Amino acid sequence: MLSHIEDGDRELKKPVMFTEFGLSNLNKDYQPSQRDRFYKTIFDVIYKSAKKNRAGAGMEEYNDDFGIVPWERRSTYSLITEQSCNLARIRGLNQLKGYLKELCLEGH
């Protein structure tokens, strides 16, 4: 992760997204607490990157003509929210919890 953030900062001048990571429950001697520790480590690295305005958590000054910041444009934010809720409805809103459920019920 750190080398990707470094490359994003220095070489690419682009943000880096960490979108797929995890710890398999099929690993020998797997314990759920191991997954929690793993996620905390990942989230801590991303948080530290964000505090320093580094590539691991976005770099608006390197934004190109494809970049978006959804909350800066209400229509873009609404479109992404609507798509997220549409996908969530496939599983059923009754399975959603907390803010996502409130958000998806809000507009419908």
N, C-alpha and C. Protein backbone atom coordinates (compact mmCIF):
# COMPACT_ATOMS: atom_id res chain seq x y z
N MET A 1 0.82 -1.19 0.00
CA MET A 1 0.00 0.00 0.00
C MET A 1 0.86 1.25 0.00
N LEU A 2 1.86 1.23 0.85
CA LEU A 2 2.71 2.42 0.97
C LEU A 2 3.42 2.73 -0.34
N SER A 3 3.89 1.70 -1.04
CA SER A 3 4.58 1.95 -2.31
C SER A 3 3.61 2.47 -3.36
N HIS A 4 2.36 2.00 -3.35
CA HIS A 4 1.36 2.51 -4.28
C HIS A 4 1.05 3.98 -3.98
N ILE A 5 0.91 4.32 -2.72
CA ILE A 5 0.67 5.71 -2.34
C ILE A 5 1.85 6.57 -2.78
N GLU A 6 3.04 6.09 -2.53
CA GLU A 6 4.25 6.82 -2.93
C GLU A 6 4.28 7.04 -4.44
N ASP A 7 3.98 5.99 -5.22
CA ASP A 7 3.94 6.13 -6.68
C ASP A 7 2.87 7.13 -7.11
N GLY A 8 1.70 7.07 -6.46
CA GLY A 8 0.64 8.01 -6.77
C GLY A 8 1.05 9.44 -6.51
N ASP A 9 1.75 9.66 -5.40
CA ASP A 9 2.22 11.00 -5.04
C ASP A 9 3.29 11.50 -5.99
N ARG A 10 4.33 10.71 -6.15
CA ARG A 10 5.54 11.19 -6.82
C ARG A 10 5.57 10.97 -8.32
N GLU A 11 5.11 9.81 -8.77
CA GLU A 11 5.24 9.47 -10.18
C GLU A 11 3.99 9.80 -10.99
N LEU A 12 2.87 9.32 -10.52
CA LEU A 12 1.63 9.44 -11.28
C LEU A 12 0.91 10.77 -11.08
N LYS A 13 1.11 11.36 -9.90
CA LYS A 13 0.37 12.58 -9.53
C LYS A 13 -1.13 12.32 -9.61
N LYS A 14 -1.52 11.15 -9.13
CA LYS A 14 -2.92 10.72 -9.15
C LYS A 14 -3.26 10.05 -7.83
N PRO A 15 -4.52 10.11 -7.43
CA PRO A 15 -4.94 9.37 -6.23
C PRO A 15 -4.93 7.87 -6.48
N VAL A 16 -4.82 7.11 -5.42
CA VAL A 16 -4.84 5.66 -5.48
C VAL A 16 -6.06 5.19 -4.69
N MET A 17 -6.82 4.28 -5.28
CA MET A 17 -7.98 3.72 -4.58
C MET A 17 -7.67 2.28 -4.19
N PHE A 18 -7.95 1.96 -2.96
CA PHE A 18 -7.81 0.59 -2.48
C PHE A 18 -9.22 0.04 -2.37
N THR A 19 -9.62 -0.73 -3.37
CA THR A 19 -11.01 -1.13 -3.47
C THR A 19 -11.26 -2.60 -3.19
N GLU A 20 -10.22 -3.40 -3.21
CA GLU A 20 -10.44 -4.82 -2.98
C GLU A 20 -9.29 -5.36 -2.13
N PHE A 21 -9.62 -5.67 -0.92
CA PHE A 21 -8.65 -6.25 0.00
C PHE A 21 -9.41 -7.04 1.04
N GLY A 22 -8.75 -7.95 1.67
CA GLY A 22 -9.44 -8.73 2.69
C GLY A 22 -8.58 -9.84 3.23
N LEU A 23 -9.18 -10.61 4.07
CA LEU A 23 -8.53 -11.77 4.68
C LEU A 23 -9.53 -12.91 4.63
N SER A 24 -9.17 -13.97 3.95
CA SER A 24 -10.09 -15.08 3.73
C SER A 24 -10.36 -15.85 5.02
N ASN A 25 -11.62 -16.19 5.20
CA ASN A 25 -11.97 -17.03 6.34
C ASN A 25 -11.63 -18.50 6.08
N LEU A 26 -11.07 -18.79 4.91
CA LEU A 26 -10.61 -20.14 4.60
C LEU A 26 -9.18 -20.37 5.04
N ASN A 27 -8.49 -19.32 5.49
CA ASN A 27 -7.12 -19.48 5.99
C ASN A 27 -7.12 -20.38 7.21
N LYS A 28 -6.06 -21.18 7.31
CA LYS A 28 -5.93 -22.08 8.46
C LYS A 28 -5.91 -21.26 9.75
N ASP A 29 -6.61 -21.69 10.75
CA ASP A 29 -6.69 -21.05 12.06
C ASP A 29 -7.27 -19.63 12.01
N TYR A 30 -8.10 -19.37 11.00
CA TYR A 30 -8.72 -18.05 10.86
C TYR A 30 -9.57 -17.70 12.08
N GLN A 31 -9.44 -16.46 12.52
CA GLN A 31 -10.28 -15.91 13.58
C GLN A 31 -10.82 -14.56 13.09
N PRO A 32 -12.11 -14.26 13.32
CA PRO A 32 -12.65 -12.97 12.87
C PRO A 32 -11.85 -11.76 13.37
N SER A 33 -11.26 -11.88 14.54
CA SER A 33 -10.48 -10.76 15.07
C SER A 33 -9.27 -10.45 14.18
N GLN A 34 -8.76 -11.45 13.47
CA GLN A 34 -7.64 -11.23 12.55
C GLN A 34 -8.08 -10.32 11.40
N ARG A 35 -9.27 -10.55 10.90
CA ARG A 35 -9.80 -9.71 9.82
C ARG A 35 -9.98 -8.28 10.32
N ASP A 36 -10.50 -8.13 11.52
CA ASP A 36 -10.67 -6.78 12.09
C ASP A 36 -9.33 -6.06 12.19
N ARG A 37 -8.31 -6.76 12.67
CA ARG A 37 -6.98 -6.14 12.77
C ARG A 37 -6.44 -5.77 11.39
N PHE A 38 -6.66 -6.66 10.42
CA PHE A 38 -6.20 -6.39 9.06
C PHE A 38 -6.88 -5.14 8.51
N TYR A 39 -8.21 -5.07 8.63
CA TYR A 39 -8.95 -3.90 8.14
C TYR A 39 -8.49 -2.63 8.86
N LYS A 40 -8.29 -2.72 10.16
CA LYS A 40 -7.84 -1.54 10.91
C LYS A 40 -6.50 -1.05 10.38
N THR A 41 -5.60 -1.97 10.08
CA THR A 41 -4.30 -1.59 9.53
C THR A 41 -4.46 -0.86 8.20
N ILE A 42 -5.29 -1.40 7.32
CA ILE A 42 -5.54 -0.78 6.02
C ILE A 42 -6.15 0.61 6.21
N PHE A 43 -7.19 0.70 7.03
CA PHE A 43 -7.87 1.98 7.24
C PHE A 43 -6.95 3.00 7.90
N ASP A 44 -6.07 2.56 8.78
CA ASP A 44 -5.11 3.48 9.42
C ASP A 44 -4.14 4.06 8.38
N VAL A 45 -3.68 3.24 7.45
CA VAL A 45 -2.78 3.73 6.40
C VAL A 45 -3.50 4.76 5.54
N ILE A 46 -4.73 4.48 5.17
CA ILE A 46 -5.51 5.41 4.35
C ILE A 46 -5.75 6.71 5.12
N TYR A 47 -6.08 6.62 6.40
CA TYR A 47 -6.31 7.80 7.22
C TYR A 47 -5.06 8.67 7.31
N LYS A 48 -3.92 8.03 7.55
CA LYS A 48 -2.66 8.79 7.65
C LYS A 48 -2.35 9.48 6.32
N SER A 49 -2.65 8.80 5.22
CA SER A 49 -2.45 9.40 3.91
C SER A 49 -3.35 10.62 3.73
N ALA A 50 -4.60 10.49 4.15
CA ALA A 50 -5.55 11.60 4.03
C ALA A 50 -5.11 12.80 4.86
N LYS A 51 -4.63 12.54 6.07
CA LYS A 51 -4.17 13.64 6.93
C LYS A 51 -3.04 14.43 6.29
N LYS A 52 -2.24 13.75 5.48
CA LYS A 52 -1.10 14.40 4.81
C LYS A 52 -1.45 14.84 3.39
N ASN A 53 -2.74 14.70 3.01
CA ASN A 53 -3.22 15.02 1.67
C ASN A 53 -2.41 14.27 0.60
N ARG A 54 -2.19 12.99 0.86
CA ARG A 54 -1.44 12.16 -0.06
C ARG A 54 -2.37 11.31 -0.91
N ALA A 55 -1.79 10.56 -1.82
CA ALA A 55 -2.53 9.85 -2.85
C ALA A 55 -3.46 8.76 -2.34
N GLY A 56 -3.23 8.24 -1.15
CA GLY A 56 -4.08 7.16 -0.64
C GLY A 56 -5.48 7.59 -0.29
N ALA A 57 -5.71 8.87 -0.24
CA ALA A 57 -7.05 9.34 0.14
C ALA A 57 -7.49 10.53 -0.70
N GLY A 58 -7.00 10.62 -1.91
CA GLY A 58 -7.42 11.68 -2.81
C GLY A 58 -6.45 12.84 -2.82
N MET A 59 -6.34 13.46 -3.95
CA MET A 59 -5.44 14.59 -4.13
C MET A 59 -6.12 15.53 -5.11
N GLU A 60 -6.99 16.39 -4.62
CA GLU A 60 -7.77 17.23 -5.51
C GLU A 60 -6.91 18.13 -6.40
N GLU A 61 -5.73 18.50 -5.95
CA GLU A 61 -4.89 19.38 -6.78
C GLU A 61 -4.38 18.66 -8.02
N TYR A 62 -4.44 17.31 -8.06
CA TYR A 62 -4.02 16.56 -9.23
C TYR A 62 -5.21 16.10 -10.07
N ASN A 63 -6.36 16.61 -9.77
CA ASN A 63 -7.56 16.22 -10.48
C ASN A 63 -7.42 16.54 -11.97
N ASP A 64 -7.77 15.58 -12.83
CA ASP A 64 -7.76 15.83 -14.26
C ASP A 64 -9.19 16.05 -14.73
N ASP A 65 -9.40 16.10 -16.03
CA ASP A 65 -10.73 16.39 -16.54
C ASP A 65 -11.72 15.24 -16.35
N PHE A 66 -11.27 14.09 -15.83
CA PHE A 66 -12.15 12.97 -15.54
C PHE A 66 -12.53 12.90 -14.06
N GLY A 67 -11.83 13.63 -13.23
CA GLY A 67 -12.03 13.55 -11.79
C GLY A 67 -13.35 14.16 -11.34
N ILE A 68 -13.91 13.56 -10.30
CA ILE A 68 -15.14 14.11 -9.71
C ILE A 68 -15.01 14.09 -8.20
N VAL A 69 -15.68 15.03 -7.57
CA VAL A 69 -15.87 15.04 -6.13
C VAL A 69 -17.39 15.10 -5.97
N PRO A 70 -18.03 13.93 -5.77
CA PRO A 70 -19.49 13.85 -5.87
C PRO A 70 -20.25 14.89 -5.06
N TRP A 71 -19.84 15.16 -3.84
CA TRP A 71 -20.61 16.08 -3.00
C TRP A 71 -20.48 17.53 -3.45
N GLU A 72 -19.58 17.83 -4.38
CA GLU A 72 -19.46 19.19 -4.89
C GLU A 72 -20.51 19.49 -5.95
N ARG A 73 -21.12 18.47 -6.50
CA ARG A 73 -22.17 18.64 -7.50
C ARG A 73 -23.33 17.74 -7.11
N ARG A 74 -24.41 18.36 -6.67
CA ARG A 74 -25.55 17.63 -6.13
C ARG A 74 -26.09 16.58 -7.11
N SER A 75 -26.15 16.91 -8.39
CA SER A 75 -26.71 15.95 -9.36
C SER A 75 -25.84 14.69 -9.47
N THR A 76 -24.52 14.85 -9.41
CA THR A 76 -23.62 13.69 -9.45
C THR A 76 -23.78 12.86 -8.19
N TYR A 77 -23.83 13.52 -7.04
CA TYR A 77 -24.03 12.83 -5.76
C TYR A 77 -25.35 12.06 -5.79
N SER A 78 -26.40 12.68 -6.29
CA SER A 78 -27.71 12.02 -6.35
C SER A 78 -27.69 10.80 -7.27
N LEU A 79 -27.01 10.93 -8.41
CA LEU A 79 -26.93 9.83 -9.35
C LEU A 79 -26.21 8.63 -8.73
N ILE A 80 -25.09 8.88 -8.06
CA ILE A 80 -24.33 7.80 -7.42
C ILE A 80 -25.14 7.19 -6.28
N THR A 81 -25.81 8.02 -5.51
CA THR A 81 -26.64 7.52 -4.41
C THR A 81 -27.79 6.67 -4.95
N GLU A 82 -28.44 7.15 -6.01
CA GLU A 82 -29.54 6.40 -6.61
C GLU A 82 -29.07 5.03 -7.10
N GLN A 83 -27.93 4.99 -7.77
CA GLN A 83 -27.41 3.72 -8.27
C GLN A 83 -27.08 2.78 -7.10
N SER A 84 -26.49 3.32 -6.05
CA SER A 84 -26.16 2.50 -4.88
C SER A 84 -27.42 1.91 -4.26
N CYS A 85 -28.46 2.72 -4.15
CA CYS A 85 -29.71 2.24 -3.58
C CYS A 85 -30.40 1.23 -4.50
N ASN A 86 -30.32 1.46 -5.81
CA ASN A 86 -30.89 0.48 -6.75
C ASN A 86 -30.21 -0.88 -6.58
N LEU A 87 -28.91 -0.86 -6.47
CA LEU A 87 -28.18 -2.12 -6.27
C LEU A 87 -28.53 -2.74 -4.92
N ALA A 88 -28.69 -1.91 -3.90
CA ALA A 88 -29.04 -2.42 -2.57
C ALA A 88 -30.43 -3.06 -2.57
N ARG A 89 -31.33 -2.52 -3.39
CA ARG A 89 -32.70 -3.06 -3.44
C ARG A 89 -32.73 -4.48 -4.00
N ILE A 90 -31.74 -4.85 -4.78
CA ILE A 90 -31.69 -6.21 -5.32
C ILE A 90 -31.70 -7.21 -4.17
N ARG A 91 -31.03 -6.90 -3.09
CA ARG A 91 -30.99 -7.76 -1.91
C ARG A 91 -32.16 -7.50 -0.97
N GLY A 92 -32.79 -6.36 -1.13
CA GLY A 92 -33.92 -6.01 -0.28
C GLY A 92 -33.52 -4.98 0.76
N LEU A 93 -34.27 -3.91 0.80
CA LEU A 93 -33.97 -2.83 1.74
C LEU A 93 -34.04 -3.27 3.19
N ASN A 94 -34.83 -4.31 3.46
CA ASN A 94 -34.94 -4.77 4.85
C ASN A 94 -33.63 -5.32 5.37
N GLN A 95 -32.69 -5.66 4.48
CA GLN A 95 -31.38 -6.15 4.91
C GLN A 95 -30.39 -5.02 5.15
N LEU A 96 -30.74 -3.82 4.68
CA LEU A 96 -29.85 -2.67 4.90
C LEU A 96 -29.96 -2.20 6.33
N LYS A 97 -28.90 -1.52 6.78
CA LYS A 97 -28.88 -1.03 8.15
C LYS A 97 -28.42 0.42 8.18
N GLY A 98 -28.79 1.09 9.21
CA GLY A 98 -28.26 2.41 9.51
C GLY A 98 -28.49 3.46 8.44
N TYR A 99 -27.45 4.25 8.21
CA TYR A 99 -27.55 5.40 7.32
C TYR A 99 -27.92 5.02 5.90
N LEU A 100 -27.37 3.92 5.39
CA LEU A 100 -27.67 3.52 4.02
C LEU A 100 -29.16 3.24 3.86
N LYS A 101 -29.75 2.57 4.83
CA LYS A 101 -31.18 2.29 4.76
C LYS A 101 -31.97 3.59 4.78
N GLU A 102 -31.62 4.49 5.68
CA GLU A 102 -32.30 5.80 5.75
C GLU A 102 -32.16 6.55 4.45
N LEU A 103 -30.96 6.55 3.90
CA LEU A 103 -30.68 7.26 2.66
C LEU A 103 -31.51 6.70 1.52
N CYS A 104 -31.59 5.39 1.42
CA CYS A 104 -32.33 4.77 0.32
C CYS A 104 -33.84 4.89 0.49
N LEU A 105 -34.32 4.96 1.70
CA LEU A 105 -35.76 5.14 1.93
C LEU A 105 -36.18 6.59 1.76
N GLU A 106 -35.23 7.50 1.94
CA GLU A 106 -35.48 8.94 1.89
C GLU A 106 -36.17 9.38 0.60
N GLY A 107 -35.60 8.96 -0.52
CA GLY A 107 -36.10 9.45 -1.80
C GLY A 107 -37.22 8.64 -2.39
N HIS A 108 -37.71 7.60 -1.69
CA HIS A 108 -38.69 6.73 -2.34
C HIS A 108 -39.83 6.40 -1.41
